C-alpha atoms as a PDB file:
ATOM      1  CA  UNK A   1       0.000   0.000   0.000  1.00  0.00           C
ATOM      2  CA  UNK A   2       1.393   3.392  -0.986  1.00  0.00           C
ATOM      3  CA  UNK A   3       1.549   6.343   1.348  1.00  0.00           C
ATOM      4  CA  UNK A   4      -0.450   9.450   0.596  1.00  0.00           C
ATOM      5  CA  UNK A   5       1.840  12.198  -0.751  1.00  0.00           C
ATOM      6  CA  UNK A   6       2.287  15.343   1.304  1.00  0.00           C
ATOM      7  CA  UNK A   7       1.027  18.671  -0.057  1.00  0.00           C
ATOM      8  CA  UNK A   8       4.643  19.691  -0.708  1.00  0.00           C
ATOM      9  CA  UNK A   9       5.262  16.520  -2.732  1.00  0.00           C
ATOM     10  CA  UNK A  10       2.134  17.165  -4.820  1.00  0.00           C
ATOM     11  CA  UNK A  11       3.172  20.774  -5.522  1.00  0.00           C
ATOM     12  CA  UNK A  12       6.456  19.540  -6.998  1.00  0.00           C
ATOM     13  CA  UNK A  13       4.493  18.264 -10.021  1.00  0.00           C
ATOM     14  CA  UNK A  14       2.728  21.552 -10.759  1.00  0.00           C
ATOM     15  CA  UNK A  15       5.639  23.400 -12.331  1.00  0.00           C
ATOM     16  CA  UNK A  16       4.620  25.262 -15.468  1.00  0.00           C
ATOM     17  CA  UNK A  17       0.953  25.513 -14.463  1.00  0.00           C
ATOM     18  CA  UNK A  18      -0.806  28.646 -15.669  1.00  0.00           C
ATOM     19  CA  UNK A  19      -2.877  30.168 -12.853  1.00  0.00           C
ATOM     20  CA  UNK A  20      -5.670  30.581 -12.108  1.00  0.00           C
ATOM     21  CA  UNK A  21      -6.168  26.855 -12.664  1.00  0.00           C
ATOM     22  CA  UNK A  22      -9.033  24.481 -11.981  1.00  0.00           C
ATOM     23  CA  UNK A  23      -8.613  20.863 -10.915  1.00  0.00           C
ATOM     24  CA  UNK A  24      -8.536  19.613 -14.525  1.00  0.00           C
ATOM     25  CA  UNK A  25      -5.697  22.014 -15.373  1.00  0.00           C
ATOM     26  CA  UNK A  26      -3.803  20.936 -12.247  1.00  0.00           C
ATOM     27  CA  UNK A  27      -4.218  17.286 -13.200  1.00  0.00           C
ATOM     28  CA  UNK A  28      -3.022  17.993 -16.743  1.00  0.00           C
ATOM     29  CA  UNK A  29       0.099  19.765 -15.447  1.00  0.00           C
ATOM     30  CA  UNK A  30       0.820  16.990 -12.973  1.00  0.00           C
ATOM     31  CA  UNK A  31       0.469  14.317 -15.685  1.00  0.00           C
ATOM     32  CA  UNK A  32       2.771  16.298 -17.988  1.00  0.00           C
ATOM     33  CA  UNK A  33       5.329  16.460 -15.175  1.00  0.00           C
ATOM     34  CA  UNK A  34       5.229  12.692 -14.541  1.00  0.00           C
ATOM     35  CA  UNK A  35       3.129  12.584 -11.378  1.00  0.00           C
ATOM     36  CA  UNK A  36       2.346   9.242  -9.773  1.00  0.00           C
ATOM     37  CA  UNK A  37      -1.168   7.860  -9.415  1.00  0.00           C
ATOM     38  CA  UNK A  38      -1.097   8.867  -5.730  1.00  0.00           C
ATOM     39  CA  UNK A  39      -0.345  12.510  -6.608  1.00  0.00           C
ATOM     40  CA  UNK A  40      -3.088  12.524  -9.247  1.00  0.00           C
ATOM     41  CA  UNK A  41      -5.539  11.047  -6.741  1.00  0.00           C
ATOM     42  CA  UNK A  42      -4.705  13.764  -4.190  1.00  0.00           C
ATOM     43  CA  UNK A  43      -5.317  16.467  -6.789  1.00  0.00           C
ATOM     44  CA  UNK A  44      -8.526  14.868  -8.033  1.00  0.00           C
ATOM     45  CA  UNK A  45     -10.012  15.097  -4.520  1.00  0.00           C
ATOM     46  CA  UNK A  46      -9.606  18.877  -4.325  1.00  0.00           C
ATOM     47  CA  UNK A  47     -12.728  21.049  -4.353  1.00  0.00           C
ATOM     48  CA  UNK A  48     -13.703  22.054  -7.886  1.00  0.00           C
ATOM     49  CA  UNK A  49     -12.664  25.700  -7.938  1.00  0.00           C
ATOM     50  CA  UNK A  50     -10.089  27.970  -9.525  1.00  0.00           C
ATOM     51  CA  UNK A  51      -6.789  28.092  -7.637  1.00  0.00           C
ATOM     52  CA  UNK A  52      -4.889  31.375  -7.884  1.00  0.00           C
ATOM     53  CA  UNK A  53      -1.392  29.944  -7.340  1.00  0.00           C
ATOM     54  CA  UNK A  54       0.581  27.009  -5.936  1.00  0.00           C
ATOM     55  CA  UNK A  55       0.144  28.323  -2.392  1.00  0.00           C
ATOM     56  CA  UNK A  56      -3.654  28.114  -2.788  1.00  0.00           C
ATOM     57  CA  UNK A  57      -3.342  24.515  -4.000  1.00  0.00           C
ATOM     58  CA  UNK A  58      -1.055  23.656  -1.092  1.00  0.00           C
ATOM     59  CA  UNK A  59      -3.526  25.190   1.398  1.00  0.00           C
ATOM     60  CA  UNK A  60      -6.395  23.165  -0.102  1.00  0.00           C
ATOM     61  CA  UNK A  61      -4.320  19.973   0.019  1.00  0.00           C
ATOM     62  CA  UNK A  62      -3.374  20.660   3.645  1.00  0.00           C
ATOM     63  CA  UNK A  63      -7.021  21.220   4.613  1.00  0.00           C
ATOM     64  CA  UNK A  64      -8.042  18.004   2.833  1.00  0.00           C
ATOM     65  CA  UNK A  65      -5.171  16.116   4.484  1.00  0.00           C
ATOM     66  CA  UNK A  66      -6.082  17.454   7.938  1.00  0.00           C
ATOM     67  CA  UNK A  67      -9.729  16.497   7.428  1.00  0.00           C
ATOM     68  CA  UNK A  68      -8.731  12.966   6.393  1.00  0.00           C
ATOM     69  CA  UNK A  69      -6.561  12.440   9.458  1.00  0.00           C
ATOM     70  CA  UNK A  70      -8.978  13.965  11.955  1.00  0.00           C
ATOM     71  CA  UNK A  71     -11.957  11.920  10.863  1.00  0.00           C
ATOM     72  CA  UNK A  72     -13.769  15.156  10.010  1.00  0.00           C
ATOM     73  CA  UNK A  73     -14.895  15.427   6.426  1.00  0.00           C
ATOM     74  CA  UNK A  74     -15.711  18.798   4.878  1.00  0.00           C
ATOM     75  CA  UNK A  75     -19.351  19.257   4.004  1.00  0.00           C
ATOM     76  CA  UNK A  76     -20.724  21.698   1.473  1.00  0.00           C
ATOM     77  CA  UNK A  77     -23.506  23.740   3.076  1.00  0.00           C
ATOM     78  CA  UNK A  78     -26.951  23.555   1.535  1.00  0.00           C
ATOM     79  CA  UNK A  79     -28.170  26.939   0.372  1.00  0.00           C
END
């Protein structure tokens, strides 16, 4: 079983990404840069929004990682 990549490890595969970028653009950049299936999976679980830069992606990955390890899962409010 593979370990989940850290946010910093995921960011390493986003070089050359044009921002703002949505999840599909992030996945495309990561694939182009040779990302593993684990990195692609981490990116594919991000909220579907436009990310302004790598720092925004890293923050989102950190929040998702923290939620996974705390047993708390983010919920989208009903409006």
